[in-house]
Amino acid sequence: IAPMLASMVEAPFSKEGWVFEPKFDGIRAIAYISAGAVKILSRRGLDLTSRYPQLVASLEKSKIDLVLDGEIVAFDKQGRTSFQLLQQTSGLRRGSQESRVKPDVPIRFYVFDILSLDGKKTIDKELLERKKLLKRFLFETNEVRRVDDLGADGNRAFAACLENGLEGVIAKRIDSLYCPGQRVR
């Protein structure tokens, strides 16, 4: 499933019928869990599974088949997400099976949507219903966590994210369906 993509806007906003989530500085990924087997693909379809064994081990704990949309992130010593650190410390060295994963660099998969549940697509359900399903069926661990929205005040959410070293916010309509591969406002 190609991930749904956001569009940039000029400024933060607050509007009835919208919620806001933190924007992480990481790698967008879709995780497929089926009969205990896990596959993690980048938004362009690159197989990332072998690069993140700690995430695979956590996702394998799911008792139900799921397709999840989220962001893989690494944290620096100040607790902020760092794309550069993620690139430096995860994955396999080119032409080698030696892993560069460093246990002192926390790698997490922050899940913000559920695209399939027990073999049934959920993309035709509204965002609020998908969020309820995610809360109910995602097996959270230290490495795999659900993203809670920051409420309906986009201006406050944006300011809080910037204060905490995050990139910004993602605005989502609460009644929106998931549109694979589409860039939406």
N, C-alpha and C. Protein backbone atom coordinates (compact mmCIF):
# COMPACT_ATOMS: atom_id res chain seq x y z
N ILE A 1 0.86 -1.18 0.00
CA ILE A 1 0.00 0.00 0.00
C ILE A 1 0.90 1.23 0.00
N ALA A 2 0.70 2.09 -0.97
CA ALA A 2 1.45 3.34 -1.02
C ALA A 2 0.89 4.28 0.04
N PRO A 3 1.76 4.91 0.83
CA PRO A 3 1.24 5.77 1.90
C PRO A 3 0.55 7.03 1.37
N MET A 4 -0.42 7.48 2.12
CA MET A 4 -1.08 8.76 1.86
C MET A 4 -0.10 9.86 2.24
N LEU A 5 -0.04 10.92 1.44
CA LEU A 5 0.93 11.98 1.66
C LEU A 5 0.24 13.30 1.96
N ALA A 6 0.90 14.13 2.74
CA ALA A 6 0.36 15.44 3.12
C ALA A 6 0.87 16.52 2.18
N SER A 7 0.18 17.64 2.18
CA SER A 7 0.61 18.84 1.45
C SER A 7 1.05 19.89 2.46
N MET A 8 1.99 20.73 2.05
CA MET A 8 2.44 21.82 2.91
C MET A 8 1.40 22.94 2.91
N VAL A 9 1.31 23.64 4.02
CA VAL A 9 0.51 24.85 4.10
C VAL A 9 1.40 25.98 4.59
N GLU A 10 0.94 27.20 4.39
CA GLU A 10 1.74 28.39 4.74
C GLU A 10 1.92 28.60 6.23
N ALA A 11 0.88 28.26 7.00
CA ALA A 11 0.93 28.55 8.43
C ALA A 11 0.05 27.56 9.19
N PRO A 12 0.33 27.36 10.49
CA PRO A 12 -0.53 26.49 11.28
C PRO A 12 -1.94 27.08 11.37
N PHE A 13 -2.91 26.21 11.64
CA PHE A 13 -4.30 26.65 11.74
C PHE A 13 -5.04 25.78 12.74
N SER A 14 -6.16 26.26 13.18
CA SER A 14 -7.11 25.49 13.99
C SER A 14 -8.44 25.55 13.27
N LYS A 15 -9.09 24.39 13.16
CA LYS A 15 -10.35 24.36 12.43
C LYS A 15 -11.20 23.20 12.95
N GLU A 16 -12.48 23.45 13.08
CA GLU A 16 -13.42 22.43 13.52
C GLU A 16 -13.30 21.20 12.60
N GLY A 17 -13.30 20.00 13.20
CA GLY A 17 -13.25 18.77 12.42
C GLY A 17 -11.85 18.31 12.06
N TRP A 18 -10.83 18.94 12.63
CA TRP A 18 -9.45 18.56 12.36
C TRP A 18 -8.75 18.21 13.67
N VAL A 19 -7.76 17.29 13.58
CA VAL A 19 -6.86 16.99 14.69
C VAL A 19 -5.43 17.13 14.18
N PHE A 20 -4.50 17.25 15.11
CA PHE A 20 -3.12 17.51 14.76
C PHE A 20 -2.21 16.51 15.46
N GLU A 21 -1.23 16.01 14.70
CA GLU A 21 -0.27 15.05 15.22
C GLU A 21 1.14 15.60 15.05
N PRO A 22 2.08 15.16 15.89
CA PRO A 22 3.46 15.61 15.71
C PRO A 22 4.04 15.09 14.41
N LYS A 23 4.88 15.89 13.76
CA LYS A 23 5.61 15.49 12.55
C LYS A 23 7.00 15.07 13.00
N PHE A 24 7.35 13.81 12.74
CA PHE A 24 8.64 13.28 13.14
C PHE A 24 9.66 13.39 12.00
N ASP A 25 10.92 13.47 12.36
CA ASP A 25 12.02 13.54 11.40
C ASP A 25 12.61 12.14 11.28
N GLY A 26 12.03 11.32 10.40
CA GLY A 26 12.47 9.94 10.27
C GLY A 26 12.18 9.38 8.91
N ILE A 27 11.95 8.07 8.85
CA ILE A 27 11.67 7.36 7.61
C ILE A 27 10.23 6.86 7.65
N ARG A 28 9.44 7.29 6.71
CA ARG A 28 8.05 6.83 6.59
C ARG A 28 8.08 5.35 6.21
N ALA A 29 7.26 4.56 6.88
CA ALA A 29 7.28 3.12 6.63
C ALA A 29 5.89 2.52 6.79
N ILE A 30 5.65 1.48 6.02
CA ILE A 30 4.45 0.66 6.15
C ILE A 30 4.91 -0.71 6.65
N ALA A 31 4.33 -1.15 7.76
CA ALA A 31 4.68 -2.45 8.34
C ALA A 31 3.55 -3.43 8.07
N TYR A 32 3.92 -4.59 7.56
CA TYR A 32 2.97 -5.67 7.27
C TYR A 32 3.24 -6.80 8.26
N ILE A 33 2.22 -7.18 9.01
CA ILE A 33 2.33 -8.27 9.97
C ILE A 33 1.30 -9.32 9.57
N SER A 34 1.79 -10.52 9.26
CA SER A 34 0.89 -11.59 8.83
C SER A 34 1.39 -12.91 9.39
N ALA A 35 0.56 -13.55 10.19
CA ALA A 35 0.89 -14.82 10.81
C ALA A 35 2.24 -14.76 11.54
N GLY A 36 2.49 -13.64 12.20
CA GLY A 36 3.72 -13.47 12.96
C GLY A 36 4.92 -13.03 12.15
N ALA A 37 4.81 -13.05 10.83
CA ALA A 37 5.92 -12.60 9.98
C ALA A 37 5.77 -11.10 9.75
N VAL A 38 6.91 -10.39 9.70
CA VAL A 38 6.91 -8.95 9.56
C VAL A 38 7.71 -8.53 8.34
N LYS A 39 7.17 -7.57 7.62
CA LYS A 39 7.89 -6.92 6.52
C LYS A 39 7.68 -5.42 6.68
N ILE A 40 8.76 -4.66 6.59
CA ILE A 40 8.69 -3.21 6.70
C ILE A 40 9.20 -2.62 5.39
N LEU A 41 8.35 -1.79 4.75
CA LEU A 41 8.71 -1.17 3.48
C LEU A 41 8.73 0.36 3.63
N SER A 42 9.68 0.99 2.93
CA SER A 42 9.71 2.45 2.90
C SER A 42 8.57 2.95 2.04
N ARG A 43 8.37 4.26 2.05
CA ARG A 43 7.26 4.81 1.26
C ARG A 43 7.46 4.59 -0.23
N ARG A 44 8.69 4.33 -0.65
CA ARG A 44 8.98 4.05 -2.06
C ARG A 44 9.08 2.55 -2.35
N GLY A 45 8.77 1.72 -1.33
CA GLY A 45 8.74 0.28 -1.53
C GLY A 45 10.04 -0.44 -1.24
N LEU A 46 11.06 0.24 -0.73
CA LEU A 46 12.33 -0.39 -0.36
C LEU A 46 12.12 -1.25 0.88
N ASP A 47 12.61 -2.48 0.85
CA ASP A 47 12.46 -3.38 1.99
C ASP A 47 13.45 -3.00 3.10
N LEU A 48 12.92 -2.57 4.22
CA LEU A 48 13.72 -2.12 5.36
C LEU A 48 13.78 -3.16 6.48
N THR A 49 13.15 -4.29 6.28
CA THR A 49 12.97 -5.27 7.34
C THR A 49 14.28 -5.65 8.03
N SER A 50 15.31 -6.00 7.27
CA SER A 50 16.56 -6.45 7.88
C SER A 50 17.33 -5.32 8.55
N ARG A 51 16.99 -4.09 8.25
CA ARG A 51 17.70 -2.94 8.84
C ARG A 51 17.25 -2.62 10.26
N TYR A 52 16.08 -3.11 10.64
CA TYR A 52 15.52 -2.76 11.94
C TYR A 52 15.06 -4.00 12.71
N PRO A 53 16.01 -4.87 13.07
CA PRO A 53 15.63 -6.12 13.75
C PRO A 53 14.90 -5.89 15.08
N GLN A 54 15.21 -4.79 15.78
CA GLN A 54 14.54 -4.52 17.04
C GLN A 54 13.06 -4.17 16.82
N LEU A 55 12.76 -3.52 15.72
CA LEU A 55 11.37 -3.20 15.40
C LEU A 55 10.63 -4.46 14.96
N VAL A 56 11.29 -5.28 14.16
CA VAL A 56 10.69 -6.54 13.72
C VAL A 56 10.33 -7.40 14.92
N ALA A 57 11.26 -7.52 15.88
CA ALA A 57 11.01 -8.34 17.06
C ALA A 57 9.79 -7.84 17.84
N SER A 58 9.64 -6.53 17.93
CA SER A 58 8.48 -5.97 18.62
C SER A 58 7.18 -6.20 17.84
N LEU A 59 7.22 -5.98 16.53
CA LEU A 59 6.02 -6.14 15.71
C LEU A 59 5.58 -7.61 15.65
N GLU A 60 6.52 -8.54 15.75
CA GLU A 60 6.20 -9.97 15.72
C GLU A 60 5.32 -10.38 16.90
N LYS A 61 5.26 -9.56 17.94
CA LYS A 61 4.46 -9.88 19.13
C LYS A 61 2.97 -9.70 18.90
N SER A 62 2.61 -9.09 17.77
CA SER A 62 1.19 -8.89 17.46
C SER A 62 0.50 -10.24 17.30
N LYS A 63 -0.67 -10.34 17.89
CA LYS A 63 -1.46 -11.57 17.81
C LYS A 63 -2.43 -11.55 16.64
N ILE A 64 -2.42 -10.47 15.87
CA ILE A 64 -3.38 -10.29 14.79
C ILE A 64 -2.65 -9.74 13.56
N ASP A 65 -3.14 -10.07 12.38
CA ASP A 65 -2.54 -9.53 11.16
C ASP A 65 -2.90 -8.05 11.02
N LEU A 66 -1.89 -7.22 10.72
CA LEU A 66 -2.08 -5.78 10.62
C LEU A 66 -1.24 -5.21 9.48
N VAL A 67 -1.70 -4.09 8.94
CA VAL A 67 -0.87 -3.25 8.08
C VAL A 67 -0.89 -1.87 8.75
N LEU A 68 0.30 -1.37 9.07
CA LEU A 68 0.43 -0.15 9.86
C LEU A 68 1.23 0.91 9.11
N ASP A 69 0.82 2.15 9.26
CA ASP A 69 1.53 3.28 8.67
C ASP A 69 2.17 4.08 9.80
N GLY A 70 3.45 4.40 9.64
CA GLY A 70 4.13 5.13 10.70
C GLY A 70 5.46 5.70 10.26
N GLU A 71 6.25 6.09 11.24
CA GLU A 71 7.54 6.73 11.01
C GLU A 71 8.59 6.06 11.90
N ILE A 72 9.70 5.66 11.28
CA ILE A 72 10.83 5.12 12.02
C ILE A 72 11.73 6.29 12.39
N VAL A 73 12.07 6.39 13.67
CA VAL A 73 12.89 7.51 14.13
C VAL A 73 14.02 7.04 15.04
N ALA A 74 15.05 7.85 15.11
CA ALA A 74 16.15 7.65 16.06
C ALA A 74 16.19 8.88 16.96
N PHE A 75 16.59 8.68 18.20
CA PHE A 75 16.66 9.78 19.14
C PHE A 75 18.11 10.10 19.50
N ASP A 76 18.41 11.41 19.54
CA ASP A 76 19.74 11.82 19.97
C ASP A 76 19.79 11.86 21.50
N LYS A 77 20.92 12.27 22.04
CA LYS A 77 21.10 12.26 23.49
C LYS A 77 20.19 13.27 24.20
N GLN A 78 19.68 14.26 23.47
CA GLN A 78 18.75 15.23 24.05
C GLN A 78 17.29 14.76 23.94
N GLY A 79 17.07 13.58 23.36
CA GLY A 79 15.73 13.04 23.23
C GLY A 79 14.95 13.57 22.04
N ARG A 80 15.66 14.18 21.08
CA ARG A 80 15.01 14.69 19.87
C ARG A 80 15.24 13.71 18.73
N THR A 81 14.26 13.67 17.81
CA THR A 81 14.43 12.81 16.65
C THR A 81 15.50 13.39 15.73
N SER A 82 16.30 12.49 15.14
CA SER A 82 17.39 12.92 14.28
C SER A 82 17.47 12.01 13.06
N PHE A 83 17.13 12.56 11.90
CA PHE A 83 17.20 11.79 10.66
C PHE A 83 18.65 11.41 10.37
N GLN A 84 19.58 12.33 10.60
CA GLN A 84 20.99 12.06 10.35
C GLN A 84 21.48 10.90 11.22
N LEU A 85 21.11 10.89 12.47
CA LEU A 85 21.50 9.80 13.37
C LEU A 85 20.86 8.49 12.93
N LEU A 86 19.62 8.55 12.46
CA LEU A 86 18.94 7.35 11.97
C LEU A 86 19.71 6.76 10.80
N GLN A 87 20.16 7.61 9.88
CA GLN A 87 20.94 7.13 8.72
C GLN A 87 22.27 6.56 9.16
N GLN A 88 22.91 7.17 10.13
CA GLN A 88 24.24 6.75 10.56
C GLN A 88 24.24 5.45 11.35
N THR A 89 23.17 5.16 12.07
CA THR A 89 23.21 4.07 13.04
C THR A 89 22.31 2.89 12.74
N SER A 90 21.61 2.91 11.64
CA SER A 90 20.74 1.77 11.35
C SER A 90 21.04 1.22 9.98
N GLY A 91 20.66 -0.02 9.81
CA GLY A 91 20.85 -0.65 8.52
C GLY A 91 22.10 -1.49 8.46
N LEU A 92 22.32 -2.03 7.30
CA LEU A 92 23.49 -2.88 7.06
C LEU A 92 24.51 -2.12 6.23
N ARG A 93 25.76 -2.35 6.52
CA ARG A 93 26.81 -1.73 5.71
C ARG A 93 26.72 -2.29 4.29
N ARG A 94 26.96 -1.44 3.33
CA ARG A 94 26.89 -1.85 1.93
C ARG A 94 27.88 -2.99 1.69
N GLY A 95 27.41 -4.09 1.09
CA GLY A 95 28.26 -5.22 0.75
C GLY A 95 28.66 -6.06 1.94
N SER A 96 28.02 -5.87 3.09
CA SER A 96 28.38 -6.61 4.29
C SER A 96 27.12 -7.01 5.03
N GLN A 97 27.22 -8.05 5.82
CA GLN A 97 26.10 -8.44 6.68
C GLN A 97 26.27 -7.88 8.08
N GLU A 98 27.33 -7.11 8.31
CA GLU A 98 27.58 -6.53 9.63
C GLU A 98 26.59 -5.39 9.89
N SER A 99 25.88 -5.51 10.97
CA SER A 99 24.88 -4.51 11.29
C SER A 99 25.53 -3.29 11.92
N ARG A 100 25.00 -2.11 11.58
CA ARG A 100 25.46 -0.87 12.19
C ARG A 100 24.53 -0.44 13.31
N VAL A 101 23.53 -1.21 13.61
CA VAL A 101 22.58 -0.82 14.64
C VAL A 101 23.33 -0.70 15.96
N LYS A 102 23.18 0.45 16.62
CA LYS A 102 23.85 0.70 17.89
C LYS A 102 22.80 0.66 19.00
N PRO A 103 23.01 -0.20 19.99
CA PRO A 103 22.00 -0.33 21.04
C PRO A 103 21.81 0.94 21.88
N ASP A 104 22.78 1.85 21.89
CA ASP A 104 22.66 3.07 22.69
C ASP A 104 21.87 4.16 21.97
N VAL A 105 21.48 3.92 20.72
CA VAL A 105 20.67 4.88 19.98
C VAL A 105 19.26 4.31 19.88
N PRO A 106 18.31 4.91 20.60
CA PRO A 106 16.94 4.39 20.56
C PRO A 106 16.30 4.57 19.17
N ILE A 107 15.82 3.46 18.62
CA ILE A 107 15.09 3.45 17.35
C ILE A 107 13.65 3.07 17.69
N ARG A 108 12.70 3.85 17.19
CA ARG A 108 11.30 3.60 17.47
C ARG A 108 10.49 3.64 16.18
N PHE A 109 9.37 2.93 16.20
CA PHE A 109 8.40 3.00 15.12
C PHE A 109 7.14 3.63 15.71
N TYR A 110 6.86 4.87 15.32
CA TYR A 110 5.67 5.57 15.77
C TYR A 110 4.56 5.35 14.75
N VAL A 111 3.50 4.66 15.18
CA VAL A 111 2.41 4.25 14.29
C VAL A 111 1.27 5.26 14.41
N PHE A 112 0.85 5.80 13.26
CA PHE A 112 -0.24 6.77 13.29
C PHE A 112 -1.47 6.34 12.51
N ASP A 113 -1.42 5.17 11.85
CA ASP A 113 -2.62 4.72 11.15
C ASP A 113 -2.60 3.21 10.97
N ILE A 114 -3.79 2.66 10.85
CA ILE A 114 -3.97 1.23 10.61
C ILE A 114 -4.70 1.08 9.27
N LEU A 115 -4.08 0.34 8.34
CA LEU A 115 -4.60 0.25 6.98
C LEU A 115 -5.32 -1.07 6.71
N SER A 116 -5.04 -2.07 7.56
CA SER A 116 -5.69 -3.36 7.42
C SER A 116 -5.68 -4.04 8.79
N LEU A 117 -6.76 -4.75 9.07
CA LEU A 117 -6.92 -5.44 10.34
C LEU A 117 -7.44 -6.84 10.07
N ASP A 118 -6.64 -7.83 10.42
CA ASP A 118 -7.03 -9.23 10.24
C ASP A 118 -7.46 -9.53 8.80
N GLY A 119 -6.70 -8.97 7.85
CA GLY A 119 -6.95 -9.22 6.44
C GLY A 119 -8.02 -8.36 5.80
N LYS A 120 -8.64 -7.47 6.56
CA LYS A 120 -9.69 -6.60 6.02
C LYS A 120 -9.19 -5.16 5.99
N LYS A 121 -9.30 -4.52 4.81
CA LYS A 121 -8.85 -3.14 4.68
C LYS A 121 -9.66 -2.22 5.60
N THR A 122 -8.97 -1.26 6.16
CA THR A 122 -9.63 -0.25 7.00
C THR A 122 -9.53 1.14 6.37
N ILE A 123 -8.93 1.23 5.20
CA ILE A 123 -8.71 2.55 4.58
C ILE A 123 -10.01 3.24 4.19
N ASP A 124 -11.11 2.50 4.10
CA ASP A 124 -12.40 3.11 3.76
C ASP A 124 -13.18 3.55 5.00
N LYS A 125 -12.55 3.46 6.16
CA LYS A 125 -13.16 3.93 7.39
C LYS A 125 -12.63 5.34 7.71
N GLU A 126 -13.41 6.13 8.42
CA GLU A 126 -12.99 7.47 8.78
C GLU A 126 -11.82 7.43 9.77
N LEU A 127 -11.03 8.49 9.77
CA LEU A 127 -9.84 8.56 10.62
C LEU A 127 -10.15 8.24 12.08
N LEU A 128 -11.19 8.82 12.64
CA LEU A 128 -11.48 8.57 14.06
C LEU A 128 -11.73 7.09 14.34
N GLU A 129 -12.39 6.41 13.42
CA GLU A 129 -12.62 4.98 13.61
C GLU A 129 -11.31 4.20 13.49
N ARG A 130 -10.46 4.60 12.52
CA ARG A 130 -9.16 3.92 12.38
C ARG A 130 -8.30 4.14 13.63
N LYS A 131 -8.36 5.33 14.21
CA LYS A 131 -7.61 5.61 15.44
C LYS A 131 -8.08 4.71 16.59
N LYS A 132 -9.39 4.49 16.69
CA LYS A 132 -9.93 3.60 17.73
C LYS A 132 -9.44 2.17 17.51
N LEU A 133 -9.44 1.73 16.25
CA LEU A 133 -8.95 0.38 15.95
C LEU A 133 -7.47 0.25 16.27
N LEU A 134 -6.71 1.27 15.94
CA LEU A 134 -5.27 1.25 16.22
C LEU A 134 -5.03 1.15 17.72
N LYS A 135 -5.75 1.95 18.49
CA LYS A 135 -5.60 1.93 19.95
C LYS A 135 -5.94 0.55 20.51
N ARG A 136 -6.94 -0.07 19.94
CA ARG A 136 -7.40 -1.37 20.44
C ARG A 136 -6.48 -2.54 20.04
N PHE A 137 -5.94 -2.50 18.81
CA PHE A 137 -5.26 -3.68 18.29
C PHE A 137 -3.73 -3.59 18.17
N LEU A 138 -3.16 -2.40 18.29
CA LEU A 138 -1.70 -2.30 18.23
C LEU A 138 -1.11 -2.79 19.54
N PHE A 139 -0.20 -3.74 19.44
CA PHE A 139 0.53 -4.22 20.61
C PHE A 139 1.73 -3.29 20.79
N GLU A 140 1.62 -2.38 21.75
CA GLU A 140 2.68 -1.40 21.96
C GLU A 140 3.80 -1.99 22.81
N THR A 141 5.02 -1.62 22.44
CA THR A 141 6.22 -2.01 23.17
C THR A 141 7.08 -0.75 23.33
N ASN A 142 8.25 -0.90 23.88
CA ASN A 142 9.17 0.23 23.98
C ASN A 142 9.56 0.73 22.59
N GLU A 143 9.64 -0.18 21.62
CA GLU A 143 10.08 0.17 20.27
C GLU A 143 8.94 0.57 19.34
N VAL A 144 7.74 0.10 19.59
CA VAL A 144 6.58 0.36 18.73
C VAL A 144 5.53 1.09 19.55
N ARG A 145 5.22 2.31 19.12
CA ARG A 145 4.29 3.15 19.89
C ARG A 145 3.26 3.80 18.98
N ARG A 146 2.10 4.00 19.54
CA ARG A 146 1.01 4.66 18.83
C ARG A 146 1.16 6.16 18.99
N VAL A 147 0.87 6.90 17.93
CA VAL A 147 0.90 8.36 17.98
C VAL A 147 -0.49 8.85 18.38
N ASP A 148 -0.55 9.55 19.48
CA ASP A 148 -1.80 10.20 19.89
C ASP A 148 -1.86 11.56 19.22
N ASP A 149 -3.07 11.99 18.87
CA ASP A 149 -3.17 13.33 18.32
C ASP A 149 -3.03 14.35 19.44
N LEU A 150 -2.73 15.57 19.06
CA LEU A 150 -2.50 16.66 20.01
C LEU A 150 -3.73 17.54 20.18
N GLY A 151 -4.88 17.06 19.73
CA GLY A 151 -6.11 17.81 19.88
C GLY A 151 -6.44 18.64 18.65
N ALA A 152 -7.42 19.54 18.83
CA ALA A 152 -7.96 20.30 17.71
C ALA A 152 -7.37 21.70 17.57
N ASP A 153 -6.50 22.10 18.49
CA ASP A 153 -5.89 23.43 18.41
C ASP A 153 -4.55 23.32 17.68
N GLY A 154 -4.59 23.53 16.37
CA GLY A 154 -3.39 23.37 15.56
C GLY A 154 -2.30 24.38 15.88
N ASN A 155 -2.68 25.59 16.26
CA ASN A 155 -1.68 26.60 16.60
C ASN A 155 -0.92 26.20 17.86
N ARG A 156 -1.64 25.74 18.86
CA ARG A 156 -1.00 25.30 20.11
C ARG A 156 -0.15 24.04 19.86
N ALA A 157 -0.69 23.10 19.08
CA ALA A 157 0.06 21.88 18.77
C ALA A 157 1.36 22.20 18.04
N PHE A 158 1.30 23.11 17.09
CA PHE A 158 2.48 23.51 16.33
C PHE A 158 3.54 24.12 17.26
N ALA A 159 3.12 25.02 18.12
CA ALA A 159 4.06 25.66 19.05
C ALA A 159 4.69 24.62 19.98
N ALA A 160 3.88 23.69 20.49
CA ALA A 160 4.39 22.66 21.40
C ALA A 160 5.41 21.76 20.69
N CYS A 161 5.14 21.41 19.44
CA CYS A 161 6.06 20.56 18.69
C CYS A 161 7.39 21.28 18.47
N LEU A 162 7.34 22.53 18.09
CA LEU A 162 8.58 23.29 17.88
C LEU A 162 9.36 23.43 19.18
N GLU A 163 8.68 23.68 20.29
CA GLU A 163 9.34 23.79 21.59
C GLU A 163 10.04 22.50 21.98
N ASN A 164 9.54 21.38 21.49
CA ASN A 164 10.12 20.07 21.83
C ASN A 164 11.02 19.52 20.74
N GLY A 165 11.45 20.37 19.80
CA GLY A 165 12.42 19.96 18.80
C GLY A 165 11.87 19.12 17.67
N LEU A 166 10.56 19.10 17.49
CA LEU A 166 9.97 18.35 16.38
C LEU A 166 9.82 19.26 15.17
N GLU A 167 9.61 18.65 14.00
CA GLU A 167 9.53 19.42 12.75
C GLU A 167 8.30 20.29 12.64
N GLY A 168 7.20 19.88 13.24
CA GLY A 168 5.95 20.60 13.10
C GLY A 168 4.79 19.67 13.35
N VAL A 169 3.68 19.90 12.67
CA VAL A 169 2.49 19.07 12.86
C VAL A 169 1.94 18.59 11.52
N ILE A 170 1.18 17.54 11.61
CA ILE A 170 0.40 17.03 10.48
C ILE A 170 -1.07 17.25 10.86
N ALA A 171 -1.80 17.92 9.99
CA ALA A 171 -3.22 18.17 10.21
C ALA A 171 -4.03 17.11 9.48
N LYS A 172 -5.02 16.55 10.18
CA LYS A 172 -5.85 15.50 9.58
C LYS A 172 -7.32 15.77 9.87
N ARG A 173 -8.14 15.65 8.83
CA ARG A 173 -9.59 15.75 9.02
C ARG A 173 -10.08 14.48 9.71
N ILE A 174 -10.92 14.64 10.72
CA ILE A 174 -11.35 13.48 11.50
C ILE A 174 -12.26 12.54 10.71
N ASP A 175 -12.87 13.03 9.64
CA ASP A 175 -13.74 12.18 8.83
C ASP A 175 -13.07 11.69 7.56
N SER A 176 -11.75 11.92 7.44
CA SER A 176 -11.07 11.56 6.19
C SER A 176 -10.86 10.06 6.06
N LEU A 177 -10.94 9.59 4.82
CA LEU A 177 -10.60 8.21 4.48
C LEU A 177 -9.12 8.19 4.12
N TYR A 178 -8.52 7.01 4.11
CA TYR A 178 -7.10 6.88 3.75
C TYR A 178 -7.01 6.75 2.23
N CYS A 179 -6.26 7.63 1.61
CA CYS A 179 -6.13 7.65 0.15
C CYS A 179 -4.72 7.21 -0.24
N PRO A 180 -4.50 5.92 -0.47
CA PRO A 180 -3.15 5.43 -0.76
C PRO A 180 -2.51 6.14 -1.96
N GLY A 181 -1.26 6.56 -1.77
CA GLY A 181 -0.47 7.14 -2.84
C GLY A 181 -0.87 8.55 -3.23
N GLN A 182 -1.86 9.11 -2.60
CA GLN A 182 -2.32 10.45 -2.97
C GLN A 182 -1.77 11.50 -2.02
N ARG A 183 -1.44 12.66 -2.57
CA ARG A 183 -1.05 13.81 -1.76
C ARG A 183 -2.30 14.66 -1.59
N VAL A 184 -2.69 14.86 -0.33
CA VAL A 184 -3.94 15.57 -0.04
C VAL A 184 -3.67 16.77 0.84
N ARG A 185 -4.63 17.69 0.87
CA ARG A 185 -4.51 18.87 1.74
C ARG A 185 -5.02 18.52 3.12
